[in-house]
């Protein structure tokens, strides 16, 4: 076994934006005439996709919504995320991220992002970096069902499958990958 790929989580690992996500979820609940509970949001949402998080928070409050309405809520949150991020003087990346990514690539390791974030959020942030072209594969919440959200391993397995398709000579297996995560749900996945 040798290391061939690094699979990075995004929120809380690449970019320090988890407080912003919590604020936006609280705002979404208020807009839906529901009372937010920051501890509950942290417990339900940390490391999970917006789809799984928002659906569960609404369900806990007795709301039954259609998938279409859930999609609208997620799109609204994504738009608010991008608006808020655009207002920052600098995006809140973790220190040392550039060095880490360039070391990964200089070691000729493949790089993937595996996240419960919306693809539009990831693309928006990466478009404002110097390493957008260094990421070979992105697996986002848009690629997975609510049931496949972390702590299920589906996102990581899909990233490995996509890397195998893109680089068949690697003969990539899960044990050849290093996952870098910040949440219990992600570590469990």
Protein backbone atom coordinates (compact mmCIF):
# COMPACT_ATOMS: atom_id res chain seq x y z
CA UNK A 1 0.00 0.00 0.00
CA UNK A 2 1.21 3.46 -0.90
CA UNK A 3 -0.46 6.83 -0.70
CA UNK A 4 -1.88 7.84 -4.09
CA UNK A 5 -4.63 10.36 -3.34
CA UNK A 6 -5.76 12.86 -0.72
CA UNK A 7 -9.47 13.44 -0.18
CA UNK A 8 -10.17 16.79 1.48
CA UNK A 9 -13.35 17.85 3.19
CA UNK A 10 -14.23 21.44 2.31
CA UNK A 11 -16.12 23.39 5.00
CA UNK A 12 -14.05 23.55 8.15
CA UNK A 13 -11.04 21.96 6.45
CA UNK A 14 -10.26 24.02 3.34
CA UNK A 15 -12.24 27.10 4.30
CA UNK A 16 -13.12 28.37 7.76
CA UNK A 17 -16.80 29.02 7.09
CA UNK A 18 -18.72 26.77 9.46
CA UNK A 19 -19.89 29.70 11.61
CA UNK A 20 -21.27 31.35 8.48
CA UNK A 21 -23.14 28.16 7.56
CA UNK A 22 -24.67 28.04 11.03
CA UNK A 23 -25.77 31.68 10.74
CA UNK A 24 -27.33 31.01 7.33
CA UNK A 25 -29.21 27.95 8.60
CA UNK A 26 -30.48 29.97 11.57
CA UNK A 27 -31.59 32.69 9.14
CA UNK A 28 -33.34 30.11 6.95
CA UNK A 29 -35.25 28.72 9.93
CA UNK A 30 -36.34 32.21 10.99
CA UNK A 31 -37.50 32.92 7.43
CA UNK A 32 -39.57 29.73 7.70
CA UNK A 33 -41.09 31.04 10.97
CA UNK A 34 -39.19 28.46 13.01
CA UNK A 35 -37.05 29.06 16.07
CA UNK A 36 -33.38 28.19 15.61
CA UNK A 37 -31.48 26.40 18.36
CA UNK A 38 -27.72 26.85 17.79
CA UNK A 39 -26.78 23.74 19.81
CA UNK A 40 -29.24 21.61 17.87
CA UNK A 41 -28.04 23.03 14.54
CA UNK A 42 -24.46 22.21 15.48
CA UNK A 43 -25.41 18.69 16.55
CA UNK A 44 -27.58 17.93 13.51
CA UNK A 45 -25.61 19.71 10.81
CA UNK A 46 -21.88 19.55 11.52
CA UNK A 47 -20.21 17.54 8.78
CA UNK A 48 -23.47 16.75 6.98
CA UNK A 49 -24.91 18.03 3.72
CA UNK A 50 -27.31 20.97 3.63
CA UNK A 51 -29.94 18.58 2.26
CA UNK A 52 -29.65 16.20 5.22
CA UNK A 53 -29.27 19.01 7.76
CA UNK A 54 -32.15 21.22 6.65
CA UNK A 55 -34.50 18.28 6.08
CA UNK A 56 -33.83 16.92 9.57
CA UNK A 57 -34.17 20.32 11.25
CA UNK A 58 -37.53 20.87 9.55
CA UNK A 59 -38.67 17.34 10.37
CA UNK A 60 -37.77 17.86 14.04
CA UNK A 61 -40.06 20.88 13.98
CA UNK A 62 -42.94 18.92 12.45
CA UNK A 63 -42.52 20.28 8.93
CA UNK A 64 -43.11 17.97 6.00
CA UNK A 65 -41.78 19.45 2.77
CA UNK A 66 -41.41 18.27 -0.79
CA UNK A 67 -38.03 17.62 -2.38
CA UNK A 68 -38.72 20.57 -4.67
CA UNK A 69 -39.23 22.94 -1.76
CA UNK A 70 -36.12 21.56 -0.06
CA UNK A 71 -34.20 22.31 -3.28
CA UNK A 72 -35.49 25.91 -3.14
CA UNK A 73 -34.34 26.30 0.47
CA UNK A 74 -30.90 24.92 -0.37
CA UNK A 75 -30.60 27.22 -3.41
CA UNK A 76 -31.60 30.21 -1.26
CA UNK A 77 -28.98 29.31 1.34
CA UNK A 78 -26.33 28.87 -1.40
CA UNK A 79 -27.14 32.30 -2.84
CA UNK A 80 -26.91 33.87 0.62
CA UNK A 81 -23.60 32.05 1.22
CA UNK A 82 -22.07 33.43 -1.96
CA UNK A 83 -23.36 36.94 -1.23
CA UNK A 84 -21.89 36.90 2.27
CA UNK A 85 -18.58 35.41 1.11
CA UNK A 86 -18.31 38.08 -1.60
CA UNK A 87 -18.58 40.75 1.10
CA UNK A 88 -15.41 39.54 2.87
CA UNK A 89 -12.15 41.36 2.23
CA UNK A 90 -10.44 37.97 1.99
CA UNK A 91 -11.86 34.47 1.98
CA UNK A 92 -11.26 32.70 5.30
CA UNK A 93 -8.93 29.92 4.16
CA UNK A 94 -6.97 28.06 6.78
CA UNK A 95 -3.32 29.02 7.08
CA UNK A 96 -0.96 26.65 5.33
CA UNK A 97 -3.57 25.46 2.84
CA UNK A 98 -1.60 26.60 -0.21
CA UNK A 99 1.50 24.80 1.07
CA UNK A 100 -0.46 21.62 1.79
CA UNK A 101 -2.05 21.52 -1.65
CA UNK A 102 1.20 22.21 -3.47
CA UNK A 103 2.98 19.52 -1.41
CA UNK A 104 0.23 17.05 -2.27
CA UNK A 105 0.59 17.84 -5.96
CA UNK A 106 4.41 17.93 -5.92
CA UNK A 107 4.31 14.43 -4.42
CA UNK A 108 2.25 13.52 -7.51
CA UNK A 109 -0.76 12.61 -5.39
CA UNK A 110 -4.23 13.12 -6.79
CA UNK A 111 -6.44 15.59 -4.97
CA UNK A 112 -10.19 15.38 -4.50
CA UNK A 113 -12.70 17.38 -2.51
CA UNK A 114 -15.45 15.39 -0.79
CA UNK A 115 -18.00 17.65 0.82
CA UNK A 116 -21.55 17.99 1.98
CA UNK A 117 -21.51 21.51 0.54
CA UNK A 118 -23.42 22.47 -2.58
CA UNK A 119 -21.34 22.26 -5.75
CA UNK A 120 -22.10 25.91 -6.49
CA UNK A 121 -20.54 26.93 -3.14
CA UNK A 122 -17.41 24.86 -3.77
CA UNK A 123 -17.03 26.13 -7.35
CA UNK A 124 -17.58 29.74 -6.23
CA UNK A 125 -14.83 29.49 -3.61
CA UNK A 126 -12.37 27.53 -5.78
CA UNK A 127 -12.77 30.03 -8.63
CA UNK A 128 -11.17 32.55 -6.29
CA UNK A 129 -8.10 30.44 -5.50
CA UNK A 130 -4.79 29.62 -7.14
CA UNK A 131 -5.34 25.88 -6.88
CA UNK A 132 -8.67 25.38 -8.64
CA UNK A 133 -6.99 23.45 -11.47
CA UNK A 134 -5.11 21.19 -9.03
CA UNK A 135 -8.28 19.48 -7.80
CA UNK A 136 -8.96 16.41 -9.96
CA UNK A 137 -12.38 15.44 -8.58
CA UNK A 138 -15.12 17.18 -6.62
CA UNK A 139 -17.90 15.25 -4.92
CA UNK A 140 -20.53 17.53 -3.43
CA UNK A 141 -23.93 17.22 -1.82
CA UNK A 142 -25.38 17.53 -5.33
CA UNK A 143 -23.91 14.11 -6.16
CA UNK A 144 -25.43 12.23 -3.23
CA UNK A 145 -28.83 11.46 -1.79
CA UNK A 146 -29.79 12.74 1.65
CA UNK A 147 -29.30 9.21 2.98
CA UNK A 148 -25.75 9.09 1.56
CA UNK A 149 -24.59 12.16 3.50
CA UNK A 150 -21.72 11.76 5.94
CA UNK A 151 -21.31 9.76 8.19
CA UNK A 152 -22.03 7.34 5.33
CA UNK A 153 -18.88 6.67 3.26
CA UNK A 154 -20.63 7.12 -0.11
CA UNK A 155 -19.00 10.47 -0.92
CA UNK A 156 -15.48 9.14 -0.38
CA UNK A 157 -16.23 5.98 -2.34
CA UNK A 158 -17.64 8.03 -5.23
CA UNK A 159 -14.53 10.24 -5.24
CA UNK A 160 -12.31 7.16 -5.39
CA UNK A 161 -14.41 5.74 -8.23
CA UNK A 162 -14.15 8.99 -10.18
CA UNK A 163 -10.39 9.16 -9.61
CA UNK A 164 -10.11 5.55 -10.84
CA UNK A 165 -12.04 6.47 -14.00
CA UNK A 166 -9.91 9.54 -14.59
CA UNK A 167 -6.59 7.84 -13.78
CA UNK A 168 -6.99 4.08 -14.44
CA UNK A 169 -3.23 3.46 -14.29
CA UNK A 170 -3.30 4.36 -10.57
CA UNK A 171 -5.31 1.24 -9.70
CA UNK A 172 -6.63 3.26 -6.78
CA UNK A 173 -8.16 1.53 -3.76
CA UNK A 174 -9.59 3.09 -0.57
CA UNK A 175 -6.52 2.06 1.41
CA UNK A 176 -4.38 4.17 -0.98
CA UNK A 177 -6.17 7.35 0.09
CA UNK A 178 -5.83 9.78 2.97
CA UNK A 179 -9.00 11.60 4.03
CA UNK A 180 -8.62 14.91 5.84
CA UNK A 181 -11.72 15.78 7.84
CA UNK A 182 -12.79 18.05 10.69
CA UNK A 183 -16.06 16.54 11.92
CA UNK A 184 -17.06 13.33 13.65
CA UNK A 185 -19.47 12.55 10.79
CA UNK A 186 -16.65 12.95 8.27
CA UNK A 187 -14.18 10.90 10.27
CA UNK A 188 -16.75 8.14 10.67
CA UNK A 189 -17.36 8.15 6.90
